[in-house]
């Protein structure tokens, strides 16, 4: 569940109440599972200023 909470763009797009509903529904769907595999990519960008 922490992975879902870490994705800020979902929170922004859904709004606070919408995101709470999404998280609640995911928790309901997964309540009988101890562990699930979730492929997840994280990206970061850097920039170098040339002077």
PDB file of N, CA and C in Angstrom:
ATOM      1  N   UNK A   1       0.821  -1.183   0.000  1.00  0.00           N
ATOM      2  CA  UNK A   1       0.000   0.000   0.000  1.00  0.00           C
ATOM      3  C   UNK A   1       0.868   1.252   0.000  1.00  0.00           C
ATOM      4  N   UNK A   2       2.047   1.142   0.566  1.00  0.00           N
ATOM      5  CA  UNK A   2       2.932   2.305   0.586  1.00  0.00           C
ATOM      6  C   UNK A   2       3.360   2.715  -0.810  1.00  0.00           C
ATOM      7  N   UNK A   3       3.451   1.741  -1.714  1.00  0.00           N
ATOM      8  CA  UNK A   3       3.794   2.093  -3.099  1.00  0.00           C
ATOM      9  C   UNK A   3       2.703   2.979  -3.693  1.00  0.00           C
ATOM     10  N   UNK A   4       1.440   2.607  -3.483  1.00  0.00           N
ATOM     11  CA  UNK A   4       0.350   3.419  -4.014  1.00  0.00           C
ATOM     12  C   UNK A   4       0.369   4.818  -3.410  1.00  0.00           C
ATOM     13  N   UNK A   5       0.657   4.911  -2.129  1.00  0.00           N
ATOM     14  CA  UNK A   5       0.689   6.224  -1.468  1.00  0.00           C
ATOM     15  C   UNK A   5       1.865   7.071  -1.937  1.00  0.00           C
ATOM     16  N   UNK A   6       2.915   6.434  -2.453  1.00  0.00           N
ATOM     17  CA  UNK A   6       4.102   7.166  -2.874  1.00  0.00           C
ATOM     18  C   UNK A   6       3.943   7.800  -4.260  1.00  0.00           C
ATOM     19  N   UNK A   7       2.908   7.429  -4.996  1.00  0.00           N
ATOM     20  CA  UNK A   7       2.724   7.945  -6.355  1.00  0.00           C
ATOM     21  C   UNK A   7       1.908   9.233  -6.283  1.00  0.00           C
ATOM     22  N   UNK A   8       2.606  10.352  -6.292  1.00  0.00           N
ATOM     23  CA  UNK A   8       1.963  11.637  -6.069  1.00  0.00           C
ATOM     24  C   UNK A   8       0.999  12.037  -7.180  1.00  0.00           C
ATOM     25  N   UNK A   9       1.299  11.695  -8.430  1.00  0.00           N
ATOM     26  CA  UNK A   9       0.420  12.143  -9.514  1.00  0.00           C
ATOM     27  C   UNK A   9      -0.982  11.557  -9.394  1.00  0.00           C
ATOM     28  N   UNK A  10      -1.094  10.334  -8.864  1.00  0.00           N
ATOM     29  CA  UNK A  10      -2.427   9.754  -8.654  1.00  0.00           C
ATOM     30  C   UNK A  10      -3.177  10.565  -7.601  1.00  0.00           C
ATOM     31  N   UNK A  11      -2.482  10.923  -6.535  1.00  0.00           N
ATOM     32  CA  UNK A  11      -3.107  11.711  -5.472  1.00  0.00           C
ATOM     33  C   UNK A  11      -3.585  13.063  -5.990  1.00  0.00           C
ATOM     34  N   UNK A  12      -2.762  13.696  -6.794  1.00  0.00           N
ATOM     35  CA  UNK A  12      -3.116  15.018  -7.333  1.00  0.00           C
ATOM     36  C   UNK A  12      -4.309  14.907  -8.271  1.00  0.00           C
ATOM     37  N   UNK A  13      -4.304  13.912  -9.150  1.00  0.00           N
ATOM     38  CA  UNK A  13      -5.376  13.769 -10.120  1.00  0.00           C
ATOM     39  C   UNK A  13      -6.698  13.380  -9.468  1.00  0.00           C
ATOM     40  N   UNK A  14      -6.648  12.531  -8.453  1.00  0.00           N
ATOM     41  CA  UNK A  14      -7.880  12.052  -7.818  1.00  0.00           C
ATOM     42  C   UNK A  14      -8.406  13.009  -6.756  1.00  0.00           C
ATOM     43  N   UNK A  15      -7.552  13.846  -6.218  1.00  0.00           N
ATOM     44  CA  UNK A  15      -7.952  14.703  -5.104  1.00  0.00           C
ATOM     45  C   UNK A  15      -7.913  13.913  -3.804  1.00  0.00           C
ATOM     46  N   UNK A  16      -7.970  14.619  -2.690  1.00  0.00           N
ATOM     47  CA  UNK A  16      -7.814  13.958  -1.393  1.00  0.00           C
ATOM     48  C   UNK A  16      -8.875  12.887  -1.137  1.00  0.00           C
ATOM     49  N   UNK A  17     -10.133  13.233  -1.329  1.00  0.00           N
ATOM     50  CA  UNK A  17     -11.212  12.265  -1.073  1.00  0.00           C
ATOM     51  C   UNK A  17     -11.201  11.130  -2.083  1.00  0.00           C
ATOM     52  N   UNK A  18     -10.967  11.451  -3.343  1.00  0.00           N
ATOM     53  CA  UNK A  18     -10.911  10.421  -4.374  1.00  0.00           C
ATOM     54  C   UNK A  18      -9.775   9.442  -4.120  1.00  0.00           C
ATOM     55  N   UNK A  19      -8.630   9.965  -3.689  1.00  0.00           N
ATOM     56  CA  UNK A  19      -7.489   9.096  -3.408  1.00  0.00           C
ATOM     57  C   UNK A  19      -7.781   8.191  -2.211  1.00  0.00           C
ATOM     58  N   UNK A  20      -8.455   8.717  -1.214  1.00  0.00           N
ATOM     59  CA  UNK A  20      -8.840   7.885  -0.061  1.00  0.00           C
ATOM     60  C   UNK A  20      -9.749   6.739  -0.515  1.00  0.00           C
ATOM     61  N   UNK A  21     -10.666   7.021  -1.424  1.00  0.00           N
ATOM     62  CA  UNK A  21     -11.552   5.964  -1.935  1.00  0.00           C
ATOM     63  C   UNK A  21     -10.758   4.919  -2.719  1.00  0.00           C
ATOM     64  N   UNK A  22      -9.810   5.377  -3.530  1.00  0.00           N
ATOM     65  CA  UNK A  22      -8.981   4.448  -4.304  1.00  0.00           C
ATOM     66  C   UNK A  22      -8.206   3.531  -3.371  1.00  0.00           C
ATOM     67  N   UNK A  23      -7.534   4.108  -2.376  1.00  0.00           N
ATOM     68  CA  UNK A  23      -6.753   3.317  -1.431  1.00  0.00           C
ATOM     69  C   UNK A  23      -7.648   2.341  -0.676  1.00  0.00           C
ATOM     70  N   UNK A  24      -8.804   2.809  -0.255  1.00  0.00           N
ATOM     71  CA  UNK A  24      -9.742   1.935   0.461  1.00  0.00           C
ATOM     72  C   UNK A  24     -10.166   0.753  -0.414  1.00  0.00           C
ATOM     73  N   UNK A  25     -10.479   1.016  -1.667  1.00  0.00           N
ATOM     74  CA  UNK A  25     -10.898  -0.060  -2.572  1.00  0.00           C
ATOM     75  C   UNK A  25      -9.764  -1.050  -2.840  1.00  0.00           C
ATOM     76  N   UNK A  26      -8.539  -0.549  -2.972  1.00  0.00           N
ATOM     77  CA  UNK A  26      -7.394  -1.444  -3.165  1.00  0.00           C
ATOM     78  C   UNK A  26      -7.218  -2.321  -1.923  1.00  0.00           C
ATOM     79  N   UNK A  27      -7.326  -1.717  -0.740  1.00  0.00           N
ATOM     80  CA  UNK A  27      -7.192  -2.494   0.500  1.00  0.00           C
ATOM     81  C   UNK A  27      -8.263  -3.583   0.592  1.00  0.00           C
ATOM     82  N   UNK A  28      -9.475  -3.276   0.174  1.00  0.00           N
ATOM     83  CA  UNK A  28     -10.553  -4.279   0.180  1.00  0.00           C
ATOM     84  C   UNK A  28     -10.216  -5.428  -0.773  1.00  0.00           C
ATOM     85  N   UNK A  29      -9.752  -5.087  -1.970  1.00  0.00           N
ATOM     86  CA  UNK A  29      -9.420  -6.119  -2.956  1.00  0.00           C
ATOM     87  C   UNK A  29      -8.265  -7.012  -2.503  1.00  0.00           C
ATOM     88  N   UNK A  30      -7.343  -6.455  -1.731  1.00  0.00           N
ATOM     89  CA  UNK A  30      -6.144  -7.192  -1.359  1.00  0.00           C
ATOM     90  C   UNK A  30      -6.173  -7.771   0.052  1.00  0.00           C
ATOM     91  N   UNK A  31      -7.274  -7.619   0.757  1.00  0.00           N
ATOM     92  CA  UNK A  31      -7.327  -8.003   2.168  1.00  0.00           C
ATOM     93  C   UNK A  31      -6.993  -9.473   2.419  1.00  0.00           C
ATOM     94  N   UNK A  32      -7.245 -10.342   1.466  1.00  0.00           N
ATOM     95  CA  UNK A  32      -6.985 -11.770   1.650  1.00  0.00           C
ATOM     96  C   UNK A  32      -5.610 -12.206   1.139  1.00  0.00           C
ATOM     97  N   UNK A  33      -4.787 -11.270   0.734  1.00  0.00           N
ATOM     98  CA  UNK A  33      -3.456 -11.574   0.198  1.00  0.00           C
ATOM     99  C   UNK A  33      -2.380 -11.110   1.181  1.00  0.00           C
ATOM    100  N   UNK A  34      -1.431 -11.984   1.443  1.00  0.00           N
ATOM    101  CA  UNK A  34      -0.307 -11.602   2.290  1.00  0.00           C
ATOM    102  C   UNK A  34       0.736 -10.814   1.517  1.00  0.00           C
ATOM    103  N   UNK A  35       0.878 -11.160   0.249  1.00  0.00           N
ATOM    104  CA  UNK A  35       1.899 -10.525  -0.572  1.00  0.00           C
ATOM    105  C   UNK A  35       1.473 -10.584  -2.027  1.00  0.00           C
ATOM    106  N   UNK A  36       1.778  -9.533  -2.773  1.00  0.00           N
ATOM    107  CA  UNK A  36       1.550  -9.529  -4.217  1.00  0.00           C
ATOM    108  C   UNK A  36       2.777  -8.923  -4.892  1.00  0.00           C
ATOM    109  N   UNK A  37       3.051  -9.345  -6.102  1.00  0.00           N
ATOM    110  CA  UNK A  37       4.157  -8.785  -6.885  1.00  0.00           C
ATOM    111  C   UNK A  37       3.614  -7.617  -7.705  1.00  0.00           C
ATOM    112  N   UNK A  38       4.244  -6.480  -7.564  1.00  0.00           N
ATOM    113  CA  UNK A  38       3.817  -5.285  -8.287  1.00  0.00           C
ATOM    114  C   UNK A  38       5.016  -4.702  -9.022  1.00  0.00           C
ATOM    115  N   UNK A  39       5.071  -4.878 -10.352  1.00  0.00           N
ATOM    116  CA  UNK A  39       6.156  -4.243 -11.113  1.00  0.00           C
ATOM    117  C   UNK A  39       6.038  -2.724 -10.979  1.00  0.00           C
ATOM    118  N   UNK A  40       7.129  -2.077 -10.676  1.00  0.00           N
ATOM    119  CA  UNK A  40       7.091  -0.637 -10.411  1.00  0.00           C
ATOM    120  C   UNK A  40       8.377  -0.012 -10.908  1.00  0.00           C
ATOM    121  N   UNK A  41       8.243   1.054 -11.685  1.00  0.00           N
ATOM    122  CA  UNK A  41       9.413   1.775 -12.166  1.00  0.00           C
ATOM    123  C   UNK A  41       9.419   3.159 -11.538  1.00  0.00           C
ATOM    124  N   UNK A  42      10.577   3.558 -11.132  1.00  0.00           N
ATOM    125  CA  UNK A  42      10.755   4.903 -10.596  1.00  0.00           C
ATOM    126  C   UNK A  42      11.793   5.596 -11.468  1.00  0.00           C
ATOM    127  N   UNK A  43      11.532   6.832 -11.815  1.00  0.00           N
ATOM    128  CA  UNK A  43      12.458   7.559 -12.687  1.00  0.00           C
ATOM    129  C   UNK A  43      12.884   8.856 -12.023  1.00  0.00           C
ATOM    130  N   UNK A  44      14.072   9.275 -12.364  1.00  0.00           N
ATOM    131  CA  UNK A  44      14.572  10.553 -11.894  1.00  0.00           C
ATOM    132  C   UNK A  44      15.329  11.210 -13.040  1.00  0.00           C
ATOM    133  N   UNK A  45      15.278  12.506 -13.097  1.00  0.00           N
ATOM    134  CA  UNK A  45      15.978  13.262 -14.119  1.00  0.00           C
ATOM    135  C   UNK A  45      16.927  14.240 -13.436  1.00  0.00           C
ATOM    136  N   UNK A  46      18.036  14.487 -14.099  1.00  0.00           N
ATOM    137  CA  UNK A  46      18.967  15.506 -13.621  1.00  0.00           C
ATOM    138  C   UNK A  46      19.313  16.411 -14.786  1.00  0.00           C
ATOM    139  N   UNK A  47      19.801  17.573 -14.454  1.00  0.00           N
ATOM    140  CA  UNK A  47      20.203  18.531 -15.483  1.00  0.00           C
ATOM    141  C   UNK A  47      21.553  19.115 -15.096  1.00  0.00           C
ATOM    142  N   UNK A  48      22.366  19.349 -16.101  1.00  0.00           N
ATOM    143  CA  UNK A  48      23.646  19.990 -15.873  1.00  0.00           C
ATOM    144  C   UNK A  48      23.637  21.316 -16.628  1.00  0.00           C
ATOM    145  N   UNK A  49      23.836  22.380 -15.908  1.00  0.00           N
ATOM    146  CA  UNK A  49      23.891  23.690 -16.531  1.00  0.00           C
ATOM    147  C   UNK A  49      25.298  23.953 -17.033  1.00  0.00           C
ATOM    148  N   UNK A  50      25.409  24.261 -18.290  1.00  0.00           N
ATOM    149  CA  UNK A  50      26.713  24.579 -18.887  1.00  0.00           C
ATOM    150  C   UNK A  50      26.857  26.093 -18.941  1.00  0.00           C
ATOM    151  N   UNK A  51      27.930  26.569 -18.431  1.00  0.00           N
ATOM    152  CA  UNK A  51      28.157  28.029 -18.436  1.00  0.00           C
ATOM    153  C   UNK A  51      29.389  28.372 -19.210  1.00  0.00           C
TER     154      UNK A  51
END
